């Protein structure tokens, strides 16, 4: 599954969870100030949510610094990580972010 599919599935999930409330504003590749980090998806609604997507083809090494930057800019952070990277995840890397994964076409 590529990043475009994961973004689409994530947005569908967020929109379903949002229910009948006002539709959120969503942007991709949102620059986080002068941190040098870009959020894969940024959602602005009743709360701000930053989503980082790590596919099987992506490197995992920048995740700790990315999550630290996301925590400074968003009220809630989600790391959507390929199953192959789960063995490398440590709680301290997430800086309080939620952890989602995907398998066989679903989040």
N, C-alpha and C. Protein backbone atom coordinates (compact mmCIF):
# COMPACT_ATOMS: atom_id res chain seq x y z
N UNK A 1 0.83 -1.18 0.00
CA UNK A 1 0.00 0.00 0.00
C UNK A 1 0.87 1.24 0.00
N UNK A 2 0.58 2.15 -0.90
CA UNK A 2 1.39 3.35 -1.01
C UNK A 2 0.82 4.48 -0.13
N UNK A 3 1.59 5.57 -0.06
CA UNK A 3 1.21 6.68 0.81
C UNK A 3 -0.11 7.31 0.39
N UNK A 4 -0.38 7.40 -0.89
CA UNK A 4 -1.65 7.99 -1.36
C UNK A 4 -2.84 7.17 -0.86
N UNK A 5 -2.74 5.83 -0.93
CA UNK A 5 -3.82 4.98 -0.44
C UNK A 5 -4.00 5.18 1.06
N UNK A 6 -2.89 5.23 1.79
CA UNK A 6 -2.96 5.37 3.25
C UNK A 6 -3.57 6.72 3.62
N UNK A 7 -3.19 7.80 2.92
CA UNK A 7 -3.79 9.11 3.17
C UNK A 7 -5.30 9.07 2.93
N UNK A 8 -5.71 8.46 1.83
CA UNK A 8 -7.14 8.38 1.52
C UNK A 8 -7.90 7.58 2.58
N UNK A 9 -7.35 6.46 3.01
CA UNK A 9 -7.99 5.63 4.04
C UNK A 9 -8.06 6.38 5.37
N UNK A 10 -7.00 7.10 5.70
CA UNK A 10 -6.95 7.87 6.94
C UNK A 10 -8.00 8.97 6.92
N UNK A 11 -8.09 9.70 5.82
CA UNK A 11 -9.08 10.76 5.70
C UNK A 11 -10.50 10.21 5.76
N UNK A 12 -10.75 9.09 5.12
CA UNK A 12 -12.07 8.47 5.19
C UNK A 12 -12.42 8.11 6.64
N UNK A 13 -11.44 7.57 7.36
CA UNK A 13 -11.65 7.20 8.76
C UNK A 13 -11.95 8.45 9.61
N UNK A 14 -11.19 9.50 9.42
CA UNK A 14 -11.37 10.74 10.18
C UNK A 14 -12.74 11.36 9.87
N UNK A 15 -13.11 11.38 8.62
CA UNK A 15 -14.42 11.95 8.24
C UNK A 15 -15.56 11.14 8.84
N UNK A 16 -15.45 9.83 8.86
CA UNK A 16 -16.47 8.99 9.46
C UNK A 16 -16.56 9.25 10.96
N UNK A 17 -15.43 9.36 11.61
CA UNK A 17 -15.40 9.62 13.06
C UNK A 17 -15.93 11.01 13.39
N UNK A 18 -15.81 11.95 12.46
CA UNK A 18 -16.26 13.32 12.67
C UNK A 18 -17.78 13.41 12.70
N UNK A 19 -18.46 12.43 12.15
CA UNK A 19 -19.92 12.42 12.17
C UNK A 19 -20.53 13.56 11.37
N UNK A 20 -21.55 14.17 11.91
CA UNK A 20 -22.28 15.21 11.21
C UNK A 20 -21.77 16.61 11.54
N UNK A 21 -20.73 16.70 12.31
CA UNK A 21 -20.16 18.01 12.62
C UNK A 21 -19.61 18.67 11.38
N UNK A 22 -19.28 19.92 11.51
CA UNK A 22 -18.71 20.67 10.39
C UNK A 22 -17.53 19.92 9.79
N UNK A 23 -17.43 19.94 8.47
CA UNK A 23 -16.33 19.25 7.82
C UNK A 23 -15.01 19.93 8.18
N UNK A 24 -14.00 19.12 8.48
CA UNK A 24 -12.70 19.70 8.85
C UNK A 24 -11.96 20.25 7.63
N UNK A 25 -11.04 21.15 7.89
CA UNK A 25 -10.13 21.62 6.86
C UNK A 25 -8.93 20.67 6.89
N UNK A 26 -8.56 20.17 5.73
CA UNK A 26 -7.47 19.20 5.64
C UNK A 26 -6.44 19.72 4.65
N UNK A 27 -5.18 19.58 5.01
CA UNK A 27 -4.11 19.95 4.08
C UNK A 27 -3.02 18.87 4.15
N UNK A 28 -2.33 18.71 3.06
CA UNK A 28 -1.23 17.74 2.99
C UNK A 28 0.09 18.49 2.95
N UNK A 29 1.12 17.85 3.47
CA UNK A 29 2.48 18.40 3.47
C UNK A 29 2.51 19.79 4.12
N UNK A 30 1.92 19.88 5.30
CA UNK A 30 1.82 21.14 6.04
C UNK A 30 3.12 21.41 6.80
N UNK A 31 3.76 22.54 6.51
CA UNK A 31 5.04 22.89 7.13
C UNK A 31 4.83 23.33 8.58
N UNK A 32 5.61 22.77 9.48
CA UNK A 32 5.49 23.06 10.91
C UNK A 32 6.48 24.16 11.30
N UNK A 33 6.09 25.38 11.07
CA UNK A 33 6.93 26.53 11.42
C UNK A 33 8.31 26.42 10.81
N UNK A 34 9.31 26.70 11.63
CA UNK A 34 10.70 26.63 11.16
C UNK A 34 11.39 25.34 11.60
N UNK A 35 10.59 24.32 11.95
CA UNK A 35 11.14 23.06 12.45
C UNK A 35 11.82 22.22 11.37
N UNK A 36 11.52 22.51 10.12
CA UNK A 36 12.06 21.67 9.04
C UNK A 36 11.26 20.40 8.85
N UNK A 37 10.13 20.28 9.54
CA UNK A 37 9.28 19.09 9.46
C UNK A 37 7.98 19.47 8.77
N UNK A 38 7.48 18.55 7.94
CA UNK A 38 6.18 18.72 7.30
C UNK A 38 5.27 17.59 7.75
N UNK A 39 4.04 17.96 8.11
CA UNK A 39 3.03 16.95 8.46
C UNK A 39 2.49 16.36 7.17
N UNK A 40 2.39 15.05 7.09
CA UNK A 40 1.81 14.41 5.91
C UNK A 40 0.37 14.88 5.72
N UNK A 41 -0.38 14.92 6.82
CA UNK A 41 -1.73 15.46 6.82
C UNK A 41 -1.92 16.33 8.05
N UNK A 42 -2.58 17.45 7.87
CA UNK A 42 -2.95 18.31 8.99
C UNK A 42 -4.45 18.54 8.91
N UNK A 43 -5.14 18.33 10.01
CA UNK A 43 -6.59 18.47 10.06
C UNK A 43 -6.93 19.55 11.07
N UNK A 44 -7.71 20.51 10.61
CA UNK A 44 -8.12 21.62 11.46
C UNK A 44 -9.63 21.58 11.60
N UNK A 45 -10.11 21.30 12.79
CA UNK A 45 -11.53 21.21 13.08
C UNK A 45 -11.72 21.73 14.51
N UNK A 46 -12.52 21.02 15.30
CA UNK A 46 -12.68 21.39 16.70
C UNK A 46 -11.36 21.27 17.45
N UNK A 47 -10.49 20.42 16.94
CA UNK A 47 -9.15 20.22 17.47
C UNK A 47 -8.19 20.14 16.28
N UNK A 48 -6.91 20.32 16.53
CA UNK A 48 -5.94 20.18 15.45
C UNK A 48 -5.29 18.81 15.55
N UNK A 49 -5.15 18.16 14.40
CA UNK A 49 -4.60 16.81 14.36
C UNK A 49 -3.51 16.76 13.29
N UNK A 50 -2.36 16.25 13.65
CA UNK A 50 -1.28 16.03 12.70
C UNK A 50 -1.08 14.55 12.51
N UNK A 51 -0.94 14.12 11.27
CA UNK A 51 -0.76 12.71 10.96
C UNK A 51 0.53 12.50 10.18
N UNK A 52 1.36 11.61 10.67
CA UNK A 52 2.59 11.21 9.99
C UNK A 52 2.40 9.80 9.48
N UNK A 53 2.67 9.59 8.21
CA UNK A 53 2.50 8.27 7.59
C UNK A 53 3.87 7.70 7.26
N UNK A 54 4.12 6.51 7.78
CA UNK A 54 5.37 5.79 7.53
C UNK A 54 5.01 4.50 6.81
N UNK A 55 5.27 4.44 5.50
CA UNK A 55 4.98 3.24 4.73
C UNK A 55 6.12 2.23 4.87
N UNK A 56 5.92 1.07 4.31
CA UNK A 56 6.96 0.04 4.36
C UNK A 56 8.23 0.50 3.64
N UNK A 57 8.09 1.38 2.65
CA UNK A 57 9.24 1.86 1.89
C UNK A 57 9.96 3.02 2.57
N UNK A 58 9.33 3.63 3.57
CA UNK A 58 9.92 4.80 4.24
C UNK A 58 10.95 4.40 5.29
N UNK A 59 11.82 5.34 5.57
CA UNK A 59 12.79 5.18 6.66
C UNK A 59 12.11 5.53 7.98
N UNK A 60 12.48 4.85 9.01
CA UNK A 60 11.89 5.04 10.33
C UNK A 60 12.73 5.98 11.20
N UNK A 61 13.95 6.31 10.78
CA UNK A 61 14.90 6.99 11.64
C UNK A 61 14.52 8.40 12.07
N UNK A 62 13.70 9.10 11.27
CA UNK A 62 13.33 10.48 11.62
C UNK A 62 12.10 10.58 12.51
N UNK A 63 11.44 9.46 12.77
CA UNK A 63 10.18 9.50 13.52
C UNK A 63 10.28 10.22 14.86
N UNK A 64 11.29 9.98 15.70
CA UNK A 64 11.34 10.69 16.99
C UNK A 64 11.36 12.22 16.83
N UNK A 65 12.16 12.74 15.92
CA UNK A 65 12.21 14.20 15.75
C UNK A 65 10.92 14.72 15.12
N UNK A 66 10.32 13.94 14.24
CA UNK A 66 9.05 14.35 13.64
C UNK A 66 7.95 14.42 14.70
N UNK A 67 7.85 13.41 15.54
CA UNK A 67 6.81 13.38 16.56
C UNK A 67 7.00 14.51 17.58
N UNK A 68 8.24 14.82 17.88
CA UNK A 68 8.52 15.94 18.79
C UNK A 68 8.01 17.25 18.19
N UNK A 69 8.26 17.48 16.91
CA UNK A 69 7.78 18.69 16.23
C UNK A 69 6.26 18.70 16.16
N UNK A 70 5.65 17.59 15.81
CA UNK A 70 4.19 17.50 15.73
C UNK A 70 3.58 17.86 17.09
N UNK A 71 4.15 17.36 18.17
CA UNK A 71 3.61 17.60 19.51
C UNK A 71 3.58 19.08 19.86
N UNK A 72 4.50 19.85 19.29
CA UNK A 72 4.53 21.30 19.55
C UNK A 72 3.46 22.05 18.77
N UNK A 73 2.99 21.50 17.67
CA UNK A 73 2.09 22.22 16.77
C UNK A 73 0.65 21.72 16.76
N UNK A 74 0.40 20.50 17.21
CA UNK A 74 -0.95 19.94 17.14
C UNK A 74 -1.45 19.52 18.52
N UNK A 75 -2.78 19.57 18.67
CA UNK A 75 -3.38 19.11 19.92
C UNK A 75 -3.39 17.59 20.00
N UNK A 76 -3.48 16.95 18.85
CA UNK A 76 -3.46 15.49 18.81
C UNK A 76 -2.59 15.07 17.63
N UNK A 77 -1.82 14.01 17.84
CA UNK A 77 -0.91 13.53 16.80
C UNK A 77 -1.15 12.03 16.60
N UNK A 78 -1.12 11.62 15.34
CA UNK A 78 -1.28 10.21 15.01
C UNK A 78 -0.13 9.79 14.11
N UNK A 79 0.52 8.70 14.46
CA UNK A 79 1.54 8.09 13.61
C UNK A 79 0.90 6.86 12.98
N UNK A 80 0.79 6.86 11.65
CA UNK A 80 0.23 5.72 10.91
C UNK A 80 1.42 4.97 10.34
N UNK A 81 1.68 3.81 10.90
CA UNK A 81 2.95 3.12 10.63
C UNK A 81 2.71 1.74 10.01
N UNK A 82 3.49 1.44 8.99
CA UNK A 82 3.42 0.13 8.33
C UNK A 82 3.72 -0.97 9.35
N UNK A 83 3.03 -2.10 9.22
CA UNK A 83 3.25 -3.20 10.16
C UNK A 83 4.71 -3.62 10.29
N UNK A 84 5.49 -3.54 9.21
CA UNK A 84 6.89 -3.97 9.27
C UNK A 84 7.74 -3.09 10.19
N UNK A 85 7.28 -1.88 10.49
CA UNK A 85 8.03 -0.97 11.36
C UNK A 85 7.61 -1.05 12.84
N UNK A 86 6.53 -1.76 13.13
CA UNK A 86 6.00 -1.77 14.49
C UNK A 86 7.01 -2.28 15.52
N UNK A 87 7.84 -3.21 15.11
CA UNK A 87 8.83 -3.77 16.05
C UNK A 87 9.85 -2.72 16.49
N UNK A 88 9.98 -1.64 15.72
CA UNK A 88 10.95 -0.59 16.05
C UNK A 88 10.36 0.56 16.87
N UNK A 89 9.06 0.55 17.07
CA UNK A 89 8.40 1.66 17.77
C UNK A 89 8.63 1.54 19.27
N UNK A 90 9.02 2.66 19.86
CA UNK A 90 9.13 2.77 21.32
C UNK A 90 8.23 3.91 21.76
N UNK A 91 7.66 3.80 22.93
CA UNK A 91 6.74 4.83 23.42
C UNK A 91 7.38 6.21 23.42
N UNK A 92 8.65 6.29 23.77
CA UNK A 92 9.31 7.60 23.81
C UNK A 92 9.46 8.23 22.42
N UNK A 93 9.45 7.43 21.37
CA UNK A 93 9.51 7.97 20.01
C UNK A 93 8.23 8.73 19.65
N UNK A 94 7.12 8.31 20.24
CA UNK A 94 5.82 8.84 19.86
C UNK A 94 5.47 10.18 20.52
N UNK A 95 6.13 10.54 21.58
CA UNK A 95 5.87 11.82 22.27
C UNK A 95 4.39 12.00 22.55
N UNK A 96 3.71 10.94 22.96
CA UNK A 96 2.30 11.01 23.29
C UNK A 96 1.35 10.80 22.12
N UNK A 97 1.86 10.56 20.93
CA UNK A 97 1.01 10.36 19.74
C UNK A 97 0.27 9.03 19.81
N UNK A 98 -0.88 8.99 19.14
CA UNK A 98 -1.59 7.73 18.95
C UNK A 98 -0.87 6.95 17.86
N UNK A 99 -0.97 5.64 17.92
CA UNK A 99 -0.33 4.78 16.93
C UNK A 99 -1.40 4.00 16.19
N UNK A 100 -1.43 4.19 14.88
CA UNK A 100 -2.32 3.43 14.01
C UNK A 100 -1.45 2.62 13.07
N UNK A 101 -1.99 1.50 12.62
CA UNK A 101 -1.33 0.71 11.59
C UNK A 101 -2.38 0.24 10.59
N UNK A 102 -1.96 -0.41 9.56
CA UNK A 102 -2.89 -0.87 8.54
C UNK A 102 -2.48 -2.26 8.10
N UNK A 103 -3.48 -2.99 7.57
CA UNK A 103 -3.22 -4.34 7.08
C UNK A 103 -4.35 -4.73 6.14
N UNK A 104 -4.02 -5.33 5.04
CA UNK A 104 -5.01 -5.83 4.10
C UNK A 104 -6.09 -4.82 3.74
N UNK A 105 -5.70 -3.59 3.51
CA UNK A 105 -6.65 -2.59 3.03
C UNK A 105 -7.46 -1.87 4.08
N UNK A 106 -7.15 -2.02 5.36
CA UNK A 106 -7.91 -1.29 6.37
C UNK A 106 -6.98 -0.76 7.45
N UNK A 107 -7.42 0.33 8.08
CA UNK A 107 -6.65 0.93 9.18
C UNK A 107 -6.94 0.17 10.46
